[in-house]
Amino acid sequence: MKKLSYKLILFLLPIMIFIGFIEYFYRIMPNNYSVKNSNIIRQHSKIETLLLGDSHCFYGLNPYYFKKKTFNLSNVSQTLYFDQLLFEKYYNDLPNLHYLVLCIEYTNLSQKDNTQEDIWRKYYYQNYMNLKVSLIHWYDFSQYLLCTTQRPAQTFYLINTYIKKGFVNDCDSNGWATNYKKIDRIEPKFVAKARALQQEDGSIDFKLNSERINYIINSCKSKRIKIIIVSMPQTHLYTSYLNKKKLNLIFKTCQNFQNQNLNEVYYLNLFNDNRFKEEDFYDSDHLNEFGAKKCSKIVDSFINEL
């Protein structure tokens, strides 16, 4: 029996050491979540404009082109559930915050909680940004072992990237994503239809996420923070595959937020803005660095005219 136990230990020990190494890597690696968290804390006393939203905001609004000190707290597939959690965590600690830009896209208002997009990201928000995520229960194993949140191939990719570059994050110190370059452009015709179909959930139930937006609005009103709701630019090809009835309802809902909160909430609809050309896009629905510059200047100009 002792001999069997000894052999079992010898067999398991290398595996446990290997898992421990991978877990240590996940705990210390600087990624978009941890970098944003550390930088917003470091810059908290200077931030005047805060940007929240999903990947369209992450890639499309560059704080560098805003006249006021701006920080981009958006992320890939970031839902309004996490927008609210992030807002709740930080807005009381931003003493000079005057403007909140909230990007609302085709998916935001109808998106349900804890769907496929949140399967691993929720653990990142909790562990790297210190959020209290109600979607995670005490028995969720992955919150204790972050290395189980990704497939082995993705883990080895991250480790290899970290060894080569020393980091795995794609954002700069102001939270803007730097990796959607014009030189790497993906032709919209190759991805537009698939992207639109993938993002369609078939729902026009906006109640839950509208309540979250109203919560953010009311919290901002109490501190005299102006809210700018922005629908980011998309290519016409991508737009052509969307449900027009739902899209118009999204625009109407965003406009209603302004109408119900005059001089406190403003709606800027850039979804089909003709100032944006094909060369401004990285793919069917995300701006590249030049499109981000153009969009950032338009949003900044809109803010400065309020």
C-alpha atoms as a PDB file:
ATOM      1  CA  MET A   1       0.000   0.000   0.000  1.00  0.00           C
ATOM      2  CA  LYS A   2       2.797   2.417   0.914  1.00  0.00           C
ATOM      3  CA  LYS A   3       4.579   1.543  -2.307  1.00  0.00           C
ATOM      4  CA  LEU A   4       1.427   2.274  -4.317  1.00  0.00           C
ATOM      5  CA  SER A   5       0.929   5.600  -2.519  1.00  0.00           C
ATOM      6  CA  TYR A   6       4.538   6.552  -3.185  1.00  0.00           C
ATOM      7  CA  LYS A   7       4.176   5.789  -6.882  1.00  0.00           C
ATOM      8  CA  LEU A   8       0.927   7.742  -7.035  1.00  0.00           C
ATOM      9  CA  ILE A   9       2.592  10.758  -5.439  1.00  0.00           C
ATOM     10  CA  LEU A  10       5.508  10.529  -7.854  1.00  0.00           C
ATOM     11  CA  PHE A  11       3.040  10.385 -10.727  1.00  0.00           C
ATOM     12  CA  LEU A  12       0.872  13.301  -9.523  1.00  0.00           C
ATOM     13  CA  LEU A  13       3.630  15.617  -8.296  1.00  0.00           C
ATOM     14  CA  PRO A  14       4.866  16.748 -11.756  1.00  0.00           C
ATOM     15  CA  ILE A  15       1.262  17.303 -12.848  1.00  0.00           C
ATOM     16  CA  MET A  16       0.511  19.390  -9.766  1.00  0.00           C
ATOM     17  CA  ILE A  17       3.710  21.415 -10.216  1.00  0.00           C
ATOM     18  CA  PHE A  18       2.813  22.021 -13.869  1.00  0.00           C
ATOM     19  CA  ILE A  19      -0.736  23.129 -12.974  1.00  0.00           C
ATOM     20  CA  GLY A  20       0.685  25.337 -10.225  1.00  0.00           C
ATOM     21  CA  PHE A  21       3.037  27.007 -12.704  1.00  0.00           C
ATOM     22  CA  ILE A  22       0.201  27.656 -15.180  1.00  0.00           C
ATOM     23  CA  GLU A  23      -2.021  29.031 -12.432  1.00  0.00           C
ATOM     24  CA  TYR A  24       0.788  31.307 -11.211  1.00  0.00           C
ATOM     25  CA  PHE A  25       1.154  32.618 -14.745  1.00  0.00           C
ATOM     26  CA  TYR A  26      -2.560  33.412 -14.931  1.00  0.00           C
ATOM     27  CA  ARG A  27      -2.427  35.211 -11.617  1.00  0.00           C
ATOM     28  CA  ILE A  28       0.482  37.492 -12.535  1.00  0.00           C
ATOM     29  CA  MET A  29       0.101  38.064 -16.275  1.00  0.00           C
ATOM     30  CA  PRO A  30      -0.723  41.683 -17.232  1.00  0.00           C
ATOM     31  CA  ASN A  31      -3.861  41.480 -19.391  1.00  0.00           C
ATOM     32  CA  ASN A  32      -6.471  44.009 -20.510  1.00  0.00           C
ATOM     33  CA  TYR A  33      -8.423  43.601 -17.289  1.00  0.00           C
ATOM     34  CA  SER A  34      -5.547  43.984 -14.844  1.00  0.00           C
ATOM     35  CA  VAL A  35      -3.913  46.791 -16.863  1.00  0.00           C
ATOM     36  CA  LYS A  36      -7.139  48.782 -16.976  1.00  0.00           C
ATOM     37  CA  ASN A  37      -7.695  48.251 -13.265  1.00  0.00           C
ATOM     38  CA  SER A  38      -4.211  49.415 -12.265  1.00  0.00           C
ATOM     39  CA  ASN A  39      -4.220  52.402 -14.615  1.00  0.00           C
ATOM     40  CA  ILE A  40      -7.627  53.769 -13.684  1.00  0.00           C
ATOM     41  CA  ILE A  41      -6.607  53.580 -10.022  1.00  0.00           C
ATOM     42  CA  ARG A  42      -3.349  55.361 -10.803  1.00  0.00           C
ATOM     43  CA  GLN A  43      -5.063  58.087 -12.857  1.00  0.00           C
ATOM     44  CA  HIS A  44      -8.275  58.381 -10.829  1.00  0.00           C
ATOM     45  CA  SER A  45      -7.812  61.987  -9.681  1.00  0.00           C
ATOM     46  CA  LYS A  46      -7.299  63.297 -13.230  1.00  0.00           C
ATOM     47  CA  ILE A  47     -10.024  61.526 -15.199  1.00  0.00           C
ATOM     48  CA  GLU A  48     -12.765  63.837 -16.490  1.00  0.00           C
ATOM     49  CA  THR A  49     -14.372  61.587 -19.096  1.00  0.00           C
ATOM     50  CA  LEU A  50     -14.986  57.849 -18.723  1.00  0.00           C
ATOM     51  CA  LEU A  51     -15.754  55.551 -21.662  1.00  0.00           C
ATOM     52  CA  LEU A  52     -17.809  52.362 -21.161  1.00  0.00           C
ATOM     53  CA  GLY A  53     -18.927  49.755 -23.671  1.00  0.00           C
ATOM     54  CA  ASP A  54     -17.934  46.700 -25.652  1.00  0.00           C
ATOM     55  CA  SER A  55     -15.315  46.112 -28.356  1.00  0.00           C
ATOM     56  CA  HIS A  56     -16.651  48.875 -30.609  1.00  0.00           C
ATOM     57  CA  CYS A  57     -15.782  51.372 -27.893  1.00  0.00           C
ATOM     58  CA  PHE A  58     -12.594  49.513 -26.915  1.00  0.00           C
ATOM     59  CA  TYR A  59     -11.165  49.806 -30.435  1.00  0.00           C
ATOM     60  CA  GLY A  60     -13.060  52.861 -31.607  1.00  0.00           C
ATOM     61  CA  LEU A  61     -12.549  55.597 -28.985  1.00  0.00           C
ATOM     62  CA  ASN A  62      -8.979  56.640 -28.261  1.00  0.00           C
ATOM     63  CA  PRO A  63      -8.614  58.859 -25.164  1.00  0.00           C
ATOM     64  CA  TYR A  64      -5.518  60.454 -26.713  1.00  0.00           C
ATOM     65  CA  TYR A  65      -7.766  62.510 -29.018  1.00  0.00           C
ATOM     66  CA  PHE A  66     -10.006  63.861 -26.248  1.00  0.00           C
ATOM     67  CA  LYS A  67      -9.181  67.314 -24.933  1.00  0.00           C
ATOM     68  CA  LYS A  68     -10.196  66.409 -21.402  1.00  0.00           C
ATOM     69  CA  LYS A  69      -8.425  63.616 -19.530  1.00  0.00           C
ATOM     70  CA  THR A  70     -10.207  60.471 -20.668  1.00  0.00           C
ATOM     71  CA  PHE A  71     -10.016  56.787 -19.774  1.00  0.00           C
ATOM     72  CA  ASN A  72     -11.424  53.884 -21.785  1.00  0.00           C
ATOM     73  CA  LEU A  73     -12.889  51.267 -19.429  1.00  0.00           C
ATOM     74  CA  SER A  74     -14.594  49.223 -22.161  1.00  0.00           C
ATOM     75  CA  ASN A  75     -13.589  45.715 -23.209  1.00  0.00           C
ATOM     76  CA  VAL A  76     -14.315  42.993 -25.740  1.00  0.00           C
ATOM     77  CA  SER A  77     -17.884  41.643 -25.369  1.00  0.00           C
ATOM     78  CA  GLN A  78     -18.419  43.769 -22.263  1.00  0.00           C
ATOM     79  CA  THR A  79     -22.113  43.662 -21.396  1.00  0.00           C
ATOM     80  CA  LEU A  80     -24.209  46.264 -19.600  1.00  0.00           C
ATOM     81  CA  TYR A  81     -24.110  43.966 -16.576  1.00  0.00           C
ATOM     82  CA  PHE A  82     -20.373  44.594 -16.305  1.00  0.00           C
ATOM     83  CA  ASP A  83     -20.679  48.241 -17.381  1.00  0.00           C
ATOM     84  CA  GLN A  84     -22.855  48.758 -14.320  1.00  0.00           C
ATOM     85  CA  LEU A  85     -20.499  46.852 -12.002  1.00  0.00           C
ATOM     86  CA  LEU A  86     -17.506  48.826 -13.241  1.00  0.00           C
ATOM     87  CA  PHE A  87     -19.395  52.095 -12.957  1.00  0.00           C
ATOM     88  CA  GLU A  88     -20.470  51.293  -9.400  1.00  0.00           C
ATOM     89  CA  LYS A  89     -16.928  50.438  -8.406  1.00  0.00           C
ATOM     90  CA  TYR A  90     -15.148  53.461  -9.832  1.00  0.00           C
ATOM     91  CA  TYR A  91     -17.381  56.502 -10.217  1.00  0.00           C
ATOM     92  CA  ASN A  92     -17.284  57.538  -6.559  1.00  0.00           C
ATOM     93  CA  ASP A  93     -13.482  57.443  -6.704  1.00  0.00           C
ATOM     94  CA  LEU A  94     -13.215  59.749  -9.727  1.00  0.00           C
ATOM     95  CA  PRO A  95     -13.511  63.210  -8.132  1.00  0.00           C
ATOM     96  CA  ASN A  96     -13.177  65.131 -11.415  1.00  0.00           C
ATOM     97  CA  LEU A  97     -15.478  62.972 -13.532  1.00  0.00           C
ATOM     98  CA  HIS A  98     -17.798  65.218 -15.573  1.00  0.00           C
ATOM     99  CA  TYR A  99     -18.757  63.048 -18.540  1.00  0.00           C
ATOM    100  CA  LEU A 100     -19.651  59.401 -19.017  1.00  0.00           C
ATOM    101  CA  VAL A 101     -19.717  58.031 -22.556  1.00  0.00           C
ATOM    102  CA  LEU A 102     -21.819  54.862 -22.754  1.00  0.00           C
ATOM    103  CA  CYS A 103     -21.653  53.003 -26.065  1.00  0.00           C
ATOM    104  CA  ILE A 104     -24.831  51.121 -26.951  1.00  0.00           C
ATOM    105  CA  GLU A 105     -24.601  48.726 -29.900  1.00  0.00           C
ATOM    106  CA  TYR A 106     -26.858  46.189 -31.590  1.00  0.00           C
ATOM    107  CA  THR A 107     -26.275  43.507 -28.954  1.00  0.00           C
ATOM    108  CA  ASN A 108     -26.224  45.480 -25.687  1.00  0.00           C
ATOM    109  CA  LEU A 109     -29.862  46.089 -24.862  1.00  0.00           C
ATOM    110  CA  SER A 110     -31.158  42.559 -25.428  1.00  0.00           C
ATOM    111  CA  GLN A 111     -28.159  40.600 -24.169  1.00  0.00           C
ATOM    112  CA  LYS A 112     -28.854  38.188 -21.337  1.00  0.00           C
ATOM    113  CA  ASP A 113     -26.538  37.559 -18.398  1.00  0.00           C
ATOM    114  CA  ASN A 114     -24.125  34.669 -18.163  1.00  0.00           C
ATOM    115  CA  THR A 115     -24.306  33.706 -21.808  1.00  0.00           C
ATOM    116  CA  GLN A 116     -21.404  32.240 -23.779  1.00  0.00           C
ATOM    117  CA  GLU A 117     -19.641  35.610 -23.872  1.00  0.00           C
ATOM    118  CA  ASP A 118     -19.425  35.637 -20.070  1.00  0.00           C
ATOM    119  CA  ILE A 119     -18.344  32.024 -19.564  1.00  0.00           C
ATOM    120  CA  TRP A 120     -14.712  32.901 -18.826  1.00  0.00           C
ATOM    121  CA  ARG A 121     -14.752  36.700 -18.758  1.00  0.00           C
ATOM    122  CA  LYS A 122     -16.744  36.852 -15.534  1.00  0.00           C
ATOM    123  CA  TYR A 123     -13.833  35.206 -13.702  1.00  0.00           C
ATOM    124  CA  TYR A 124     -11.438  37.778 -15.168  1.00  0.00           C
ATOM    125  CA  TYR A 125     -13.607  40.679 -14.010  1.00  0.00           C
ATOM    126  CA  GLN A 126     -13.718  39.215 -10.516  1.00  0.00           C
ATOM    127  CA  ASN A 127     -10.065  38.293 -10.199  1.00  0.00           C
ATOM    128  CA  TYR A 128      -8.312  41.036 -12.159  1.00  0.00           C
ATOM    129  CA  MET A 129     -10.671  43.952 -11.514  1.00  0.00           C
ATOM    130  CA  ASN A 130     -11.855  42.973  -8.045  1.00  0.00           C
ATOM    131  CA  LEU A 131     -15.545  43.075  -8.929  1.00  0.00           C
ATOM    132  CA  LYS A 132     -18.211  41.275  -6.938  1.00  0.00           C
ATOM    133  CA  VAL A 133     -19.757  39.209  -9.704  1.00  0.00           C
ATOM    134  CA  SER A 134     -23.092  37.710  -8.668  1.00  0.00           C
ATOM    135  CA  LEU A 135     -22.979  35.368 -11.661  1.00  0.00           C
ATOM    136  CA  ILE A 136     -20.206  33.450  -9.913  1.00  0.00           C
ATOM    137  CA  HIS A 137     -21.190  31.067  -7.119  1.00  0.00           C
ATOM    138  CA  TRP A 138     -18.910  29.809  -4.376  1.00  0.00           C
ATOM    139  CA  TYR A 139     -18.820  26.356  -5.954  1.00  0.00           C
ATOM    140  CA  ASP A 140     -17.659  27.644  -9.363  1.00  0.00           C
ATOM    141  CA  PHE A 141     -14.338  25.866  -9.681  1.00  0.00           C
ATOM    142  CA  SER A 142     -12.825  28.231 -12.231  1.00  0.00           C
ATOM    143  CA  GLN A 143     -12.710  31.170  -9.817  1.00  0.00           C
ATOM    144  CA  TYR A 144     -10.130  29.226  -7.805  1.00  0.00           C
ATOM    145  CA  LEU A 145      -8.165  27.941 -10.800  1.00  0.00           C
ATOM    146  CA  LEU A 146      -8.079  30.570 -13.537  1.00  0.00           C
ATOM    147  CA  CYS A 147      -6.057  28.234 -15.728  1.00  0.00           C
ATOM    148  CA  THR A 148      -9.250  26.222 -16.258  1.00  0.00           C
ATOM    149  CA  THR A 149     -11.009  29.167 -17.917  1.00  0.00           C
ATOM    150  CA  GLN A 150      -9.136  28.723 -21.198  1.00  0.00           C
ATOM    151  CA  ARG A 151      -8.408  25.838 -23.512  1.00  0.00           C
ATOM    152  CA  PRO A 152      -4.829  24.474 -23.458  1.00  0.00           C
ATOM    153  CA  ALA A 153      -4.079  25.924 -26.906  1.00  0.00           C
ATOM    154  CA  GLN A 154      -5.058  29.425 -25.741  1.00  0.00           C
ATOM    155  CA  THR A 155      -3.014  29.013 -22.568  1.00  0.00           C
ATOM    156  CA  PHE A 156       0.108  28.074 -24.496  1.00  0.00           C
ATOM    157  CA  TYR A 157      -0.512  30.968 -26.888  1.00  0.00           C
ATOM    158  CA  LEU A 158      -0.674  33.385 -23.951  1.00  0.00           C
ATOM    159  CA  ILE A 159       2.490  31.967 -22.391  1.00  0.00           C
ATOM    160  CA  ASN A 160       4.345  32.161 -25.702  1.00  0.00           C
ATOM    161  CA  THR A 161       3.180  35.752 -26.227  1.00  0.00           C
ATOM    162  CA  TYR A 162       4.256  36.690 -22.717  1.00  0.00           C
ATOM    163  CA  ILE A 163       7.705  35.146 -23.206  1.00  0.00           C
ATOM    164  CA  LYS A 164       8.197  37.055 -26.471  1.00  0.00           C
ATOM    165  CA  LYS A 165       6.689  40.409 -25.501  1.00  0.00           C
ATOM    166  CA  GLY A 166       6.564  40.473 -21.714  1.00  0.00           C
ATOM    167  CA  PHE A 167       2.817  41.178 -21.755  1.00  0.00           C
ATOM    168  CA  VAL A 168      -0.423  39.841 -23.249  1.00  0.00           C
ATOM    169  CA  ASN A 169      -2.579  42.964 -23.036  1.00  0.00           C
ATOM    170  CA  ASP A 170      -3.709  44.817 -26.156  1.00  0.00           C
ATOM    171  CA  CYS A 171      -4.488  48.162 -24.523  1.00  0.00           C
ATOM    172  CA  ASP A 172      -2.396  51.198 -23.694  1.00  0.00           C
ATOM    173  CA  SER A 173      -2.242  53.091 -20.395  1.00  0.00           C
ATOM    174  CA  ASN A 174      -5.481  54.944 -21.241  1.00  0.00           C
ATOM    175  CA  GLY A 175      -7.374  51.716 -21.909  1.00  0.00           C
ATOM    176  CA  TRP A 176      -7.580  51.961 -25.717  1.00  0.00           C
ATOM    177  CA  ALA A 177      -6.982  48.803 -27.786  1.00  0.00           C
ATOM    178  CA  THR A 178      -3.963  49.201 -30.045  1.00  0.00           C
ATOM    179  CA  ASN A 179      -4.038  46.040 -32.134  1.00  0.00           C
ATOM    180  CA  TYR A 180      -6.697  46.698 -34.805  1.00  0.00           C
ATOM    181  CA  LYS A 181      -4.357  48.171 -37.398  1.00  0.00           C
ATOM    182  CA  LYS A 182      -5.322  49.203 -40.905  1.00  0.00           C
ATOM    183  CA  ILE A 183      -2.458  47.121 -42.266  1.00  0.00           C
ATOM    184  CA  ASP A 184      -4.135  43.954 -40.901  1.00  0.00           C
ATOM    185  CA  ARG A 185      -7.578  44.843 -42.241  1.00  0.00           C
ATOM    186  CA  ILE A 186     -10.146  42.058 -42.727  1.00  0.00           C
ATOM    187  CA  GLU A 187     -12.441  42.660 -45.699  1.00  0.00           C
ATOM    188  CA  PRO A 188     -16.032  43.158 -44.429  1.00  0.00           C
ATOM    189  CA  LYS A 189     -17.444  40.909 -47.173  1.00  0.00           C
ATOM    190  CA  PHE A 190     -15.684  37.943 -45.594  1.00  0.00           C
ATOM    191  CA  VAL A 191     -17.093  38.403 -42.085  1.00  0.00           C
ATOM    192  CA  ALA A 192     -20.080  40.781 -42.119  1.00  0.00           C
ATOM    193  CA  LYS A 193     -22.877  38.239 -42.561  1.00  0.00           C
ATOM    194  CA  ALA A 194     -21.421  35.695 -40.135  1.00  0.00           C
ATOM    195  CA  ARG A 195     -20.796  38.416 -37.537  1.00  0.00           C
ATOM    196  CA  ALA A 196     -24.329  39.773 -37.815  1.00  0.00           C
ATOM    197  CA  LEU A 197     -25.901  36.321 -37.574  1.00  0.00           C
ATOM    198  CA  GLN A 198     -23.693  35.381 -34.631  1.00  0.00           C
ATOM    199  CA  GLN A 199     -24.713  38.499 -32.737  1.00  0.00           C
ATOM    200  CA  GLU A 200     -28.443  38.102 -33.354  1.00  0.00           C
ATOM    201  CA  ASP A 201     -30.239  36.771 -30.272  1.00  0.00           C
ATOM    202  CA  GLY A 202     -33.745  37.238 -31.685  1.00  0.00           C
ATOM    203  CA  SER A 203     -34.849  39.317 -28.703  1.00  0.00           C
ATOM    204  CA  ILE A 204     -36.269  42.803 -28.345  1.00  0.00           C
ATOM    205  CA  ASP A 205     -36.664  42.532 -24.583  1.00  0.00           C
ATOM    206  CA  PHE A 206     -34.685  45.572 -23.403  1.00  0.00           C
ATOM    207  CA  LYS A 207     -36.212  45.839 -19.923  1.00  0.00           C
ATOM    208  CA  LEU A 208     -33.350  44.536 -17.750  1.00  0.00           C
ATOM    209  CA  ASN A 209     -30.564  46.389 -19.538  1.00  0.00           C
ATOM    210  CA  SER A 210     -32.655  49.561 -19.780  1.00  0.00           C
ATOM    211  CA  GLU A 211     -33.011  49.431 -15.995  1.00  0.00           C
ATOM    212  CA  ARG A 212     -29.228  49.239 -15.728  1.00  0.00           C
ATOM    213  CA  ILE A 213     -28.829  52.273 -17.940  1.00  0.00           C
ATOM    214  CA  ASN A 214     -31.412  54.169 -15.896  1.00  0.00           C
ATOM    215  CA  TYR A 215     -29.508  53.248 -12.737  1.00  0.00           C
ATOM    216  CA  ILE A 216     -26.308  54.658 -14.237  1.00  0.00           C
ATOM    217  CA  ILE A 217     -28.161  57.770 -15.404  1.00  0.00           C
ATOM    218  CA  ASN A 218     -29.685  58.447 -11.989  1.00  0.00           C
ATOM    219  CA  SER A 219     -26.354  57.899 -10.251  1.00  0.00           C
ATOM    220  CA  CYS A 220     -24.704  60.357 -12.639  1.00  0.00           C
ATOM    221  CA  LYS A 221     -27.454  62.904 -12.177  1.00  0.00           C
ATOM    222  CA  SER A 222     -26.839  62.890  -8.420  1.00  0.00           C
ATOM    223  CA  LYS A 223     -23.243  63.940  -9.099  1.00  0.00           C
ATOM    224  CA  ARG A 224     -24.013  66.204 -12.056  1.00  0.00           C
ATOM    225  CA  ILE A 225     -22.173  63.952 -14.474  1.00  0.00           C
ATOM    226  CA  LYS A 226     -23.438  64.285 -18.047  1.00  0.00           C
ATOM    227  CA  ILE A 227     -24.049  61.072 -19.975  1.00  0.00           C
ATOM    228  CA  ILE A 228     -23.427  60.736 -23.702  1.00  0.00           C
ATOM    229  CA  ILE A 229     -24.947  57.600 -25.221  1.00  0.00           C
ATOM    230  CA  VAL A 230     -23.156  56.732 -28.455  1.00  0.00           C
ATOM    231  CA  SER A 231     -24.012  54.257 -31.193  1.00  0.00           C
ATOM    232  CA  MET A 232     -20.662  53.562 -32.841  1.00  0.00           C
ATOM    233  CA  PRO A 233     -20.128  53.495 -36.638  1.00  0.00           C
ATOM    234  CA  GLN A 234     -20.625  50.267 -38.598  1.00  0.00           C
ATOM    235  CA  THR A 235     -20.076  49.353 -42.239  1.00  0.00           C
ATOM    236  CA  HIS A 236     -23.142  49.441 -44.478  1.00  0.00           C
ATOM    237  CA  LEU A 237     -22.576  45.784 -45.363  1.00  0.00           C
ATOM    238  CA  TYR A 238     -22.731  44.692 -41.728  1.00  0.00           C
ATOM    239  CA  THR A 239     -25.812  46.855 -41.132  1.00  0.00           C
ATOM    240  CA  SER A 240     -27.583  45.308 -44.126  1.00  0.00           C
ATOM    241  CA  TYR A 241     -27.694  41.929 -42.363  1.00  0.00           C
ATOM    242  CA  LEU A 242     -29.249  43.247 -39.141  1.00  0.00           C
ATOM    243  CA  ASN A 243     -32.903  43.148 -38.126  1.00  0.00           C
ATOM    244  CA  LYS A 244     -34.112  46.618 -39.127  1.00  0.00           C
ATOM    245  CA  LYS A 245     -37.084  46.572 -36.757  1.00  0.00           C
ATOM    246  CA  LYS A 246     -34.830  45.789 -33.804  1.00  0.00           C
ATOM    247  CA  LEU A 247     -32.204  48.291 -34.923  1.00  0.00           C
ATOM    248  CA  ASN A 248     -34.746  51.120 -35.123  1.00  0.00           C
ATOM    249  CA  LEU A 249     -36.106  50.151 -31.708  1.00  0.00           C
ATOM    250  CA  ILE A 250     -32.561  50.417 -30.307  1.00  0.00           C
ATOM    251  CA  PHE A 251     -32.205  53.906 -31.775  1.00  0.00           C
ATOM    252  CA  LYS A 252     -35.622  54.895 -30.393  1.00  0.00           C
ATOM    253  CA  THR A 253     -34.755  53.541 -26.929  1.00  0.00           C
ATOM    254  CA  CYS A 254     -31.492  55.486 -26.860  1.00  0.00           C
ATOM    255  CA  GLN A 255     -33.284  58.630 -27.997  1.00  0.00           C
ATOM    256  CA  ASN A 256     -35.842  58.134 -25.229  1.00  0.00           C
ATOM    257  CA  PHE A 257     -33.094  58.155 -22.621  1.00  0.00           C
ATOM    258  CA  GLN A 258     -32.229  61.633 -23.845  1.00  0.00           C
ATOM    259  CA  ASN A 259     -35.840  62.811 -24.096  1.00  0.00           C
ATOM    260  CA  GLN A 260     -36.566  61.672 -20.552  1.00  0.00           C
ATOM    261  CA  ASN A 261     -33.422  63.322 -19.132  1.00  0.00           C
ATOM    262  CA  LEU A 262     -33.057  66.593 -20.999  1.00  0.00           C
ATOM    263  CA  ASN A 263     -29.783  68.474 -20.439  1.00  0.00           C
ATOM    264  CA  GLU A 264     -28.388  65.463 -18.582  1.00  0.00           C
ATOM    265  CA  VAL A 265     -28.357  62.676 -21.175  1.00  0.00           C
ATOM    266  CA  TYR A 266     -27.396  63.165 -24.828  1.00  0.00           C
ATOM    267  CA  TYR A 267     -27.635  60.708 -27.699  1.00  0.00           C
ATOM    268  CA  LEU A 268     -25.071  60.678 -30.517  1.00  0.00           C
ATOM    269  CA  ASN A 269     -25.981  58.215 -33.270  1.00  0.00           C
ATOM    270  CA  LEU A 270     -22.994  57.475 -35.507  1.00  0.00           C
ATOM    271  CA  PHE A 271     -24.216  54.032 -36.585  1.00  0.00           C
ATOM    272  CA  ASN A 272     -24.717  54.938 -40.248  1.00  0.00           C
ATOM    273  CA  ASP A 273     -22.727  58.162 -40.259  1.00  0.00           C
ATOM    274  CA  ASN A 274     -21.522  58.920 -43.797  1.00  0.00           C
ATOM    275  CA  ARG A 275     -18.338  60.527 -42.517  1.00  0.00           C
ATOM    276  CA  PHE A 276     -16.958  57.014 -42.051  1.00  0.00           C
ATOM    277  CA  LYS A 277     -15.648  55.211 -45.119  1.00  0.00           C
ATOM    278  CA  GLU A 278     -14.578  51.623 -45.741  1.00  0.00           C
ATOM    279  CA  GLU A 279     -10.938  52.486 -45.077  1.00  0.00           C
ATOM    280  CA  ASP A 280     -11.832  53.562 -41.520  1.00  0.00           C
ATOM    281  CA  PHE A 281     -12.763  50.008 -40.539  1.00  0.00           C
ATOM    282  CA  TYR A 282     -10.609  47.109 -39.413  1.00  0.00           C
ATOM    283  CA  ASP A 283     -13.383  44.647 -40.266  1.00  0.00           C
ATOM    284  CA  SER A 284     -17.154  44.746 -40.773  1.00  0.00           C
ATOM    285  CA  ASP A 285     -18.011  46.527 -37.517  1.00  0.00           C
ATOM    286  CA  HIS A 286     -14.819  47.706 -35.761  1.00  0.00           C
ATOM    287  CA  LEU A 287     -12.818  50.813 -36.510  1.00  0.00           C
ATOM    288  CA  ASN A 288      -9.072  50.730 -37.152  1.00  0.00           C
ATOM    289  CA  GLU A 289      -6.653  53.235 -35.625  1.00  0.00           C
ATOM    290  CA  PHE A 290      -7.476  55.916 -38.220  1.00  0.00           C
ATOM    291  CA  GLY A 291     -11.212  55.410 -37.855  1.00  0.00           C
ATOM    292  CA  ALA A 292     -10.775  55.553 -34.072  1.00  0.00           C
ATOM    293  CA  LYS A 293      -8.996  58.890 -34.405  1.00  0.00           C
ATOM    294  CA  LYS A 294     -11.835  60.287 -36.515  1.00  0.00           C
ATOM    295  CA  CYS A 295     -14.537  58.921 -34.220  1.00  0.00           C
ATOM    296  CA  SER A 296     -12.791  60.093 -31.063  1.00  0.00           C
ATOM    297  CA  LYS A 297     -12.534  63.638 -32.396  1.00  0.00           C
ATOM    298  CA  ILE A 298     -16.228  63.640 -33.349  1.00  0.00           C
ATOM    299  CA  VAL A 299     -17.307  62.442 -29.893  1.00  0.00           C
ATOM    300  CA  ASP A 300     -14.932  64.871 -28.186  1.00  0.00           C
ATOM    301  CA  SER A 301     -16.273  67.758 -30.264  1.00  0.00           C
ATOM    302  CA  PHE A 302     -19.831  66.742 -29.351  1.00  0.00           C
ATOM    303  CA  ILE A 303     -18.898  66.757 -25.631  1.00  0.00           C
ATOM    304  CA  ASN A 304     -17.184  70.128 -25.827  1.00  0.00           C
ATOM    305  CA  GLU A 305     -20.272  71.689 -27.391  1.00  0.00           C
ATOM    306  CA  LEU A 306     -22.564  70.643 -24.539  1.00  0.00           C
END
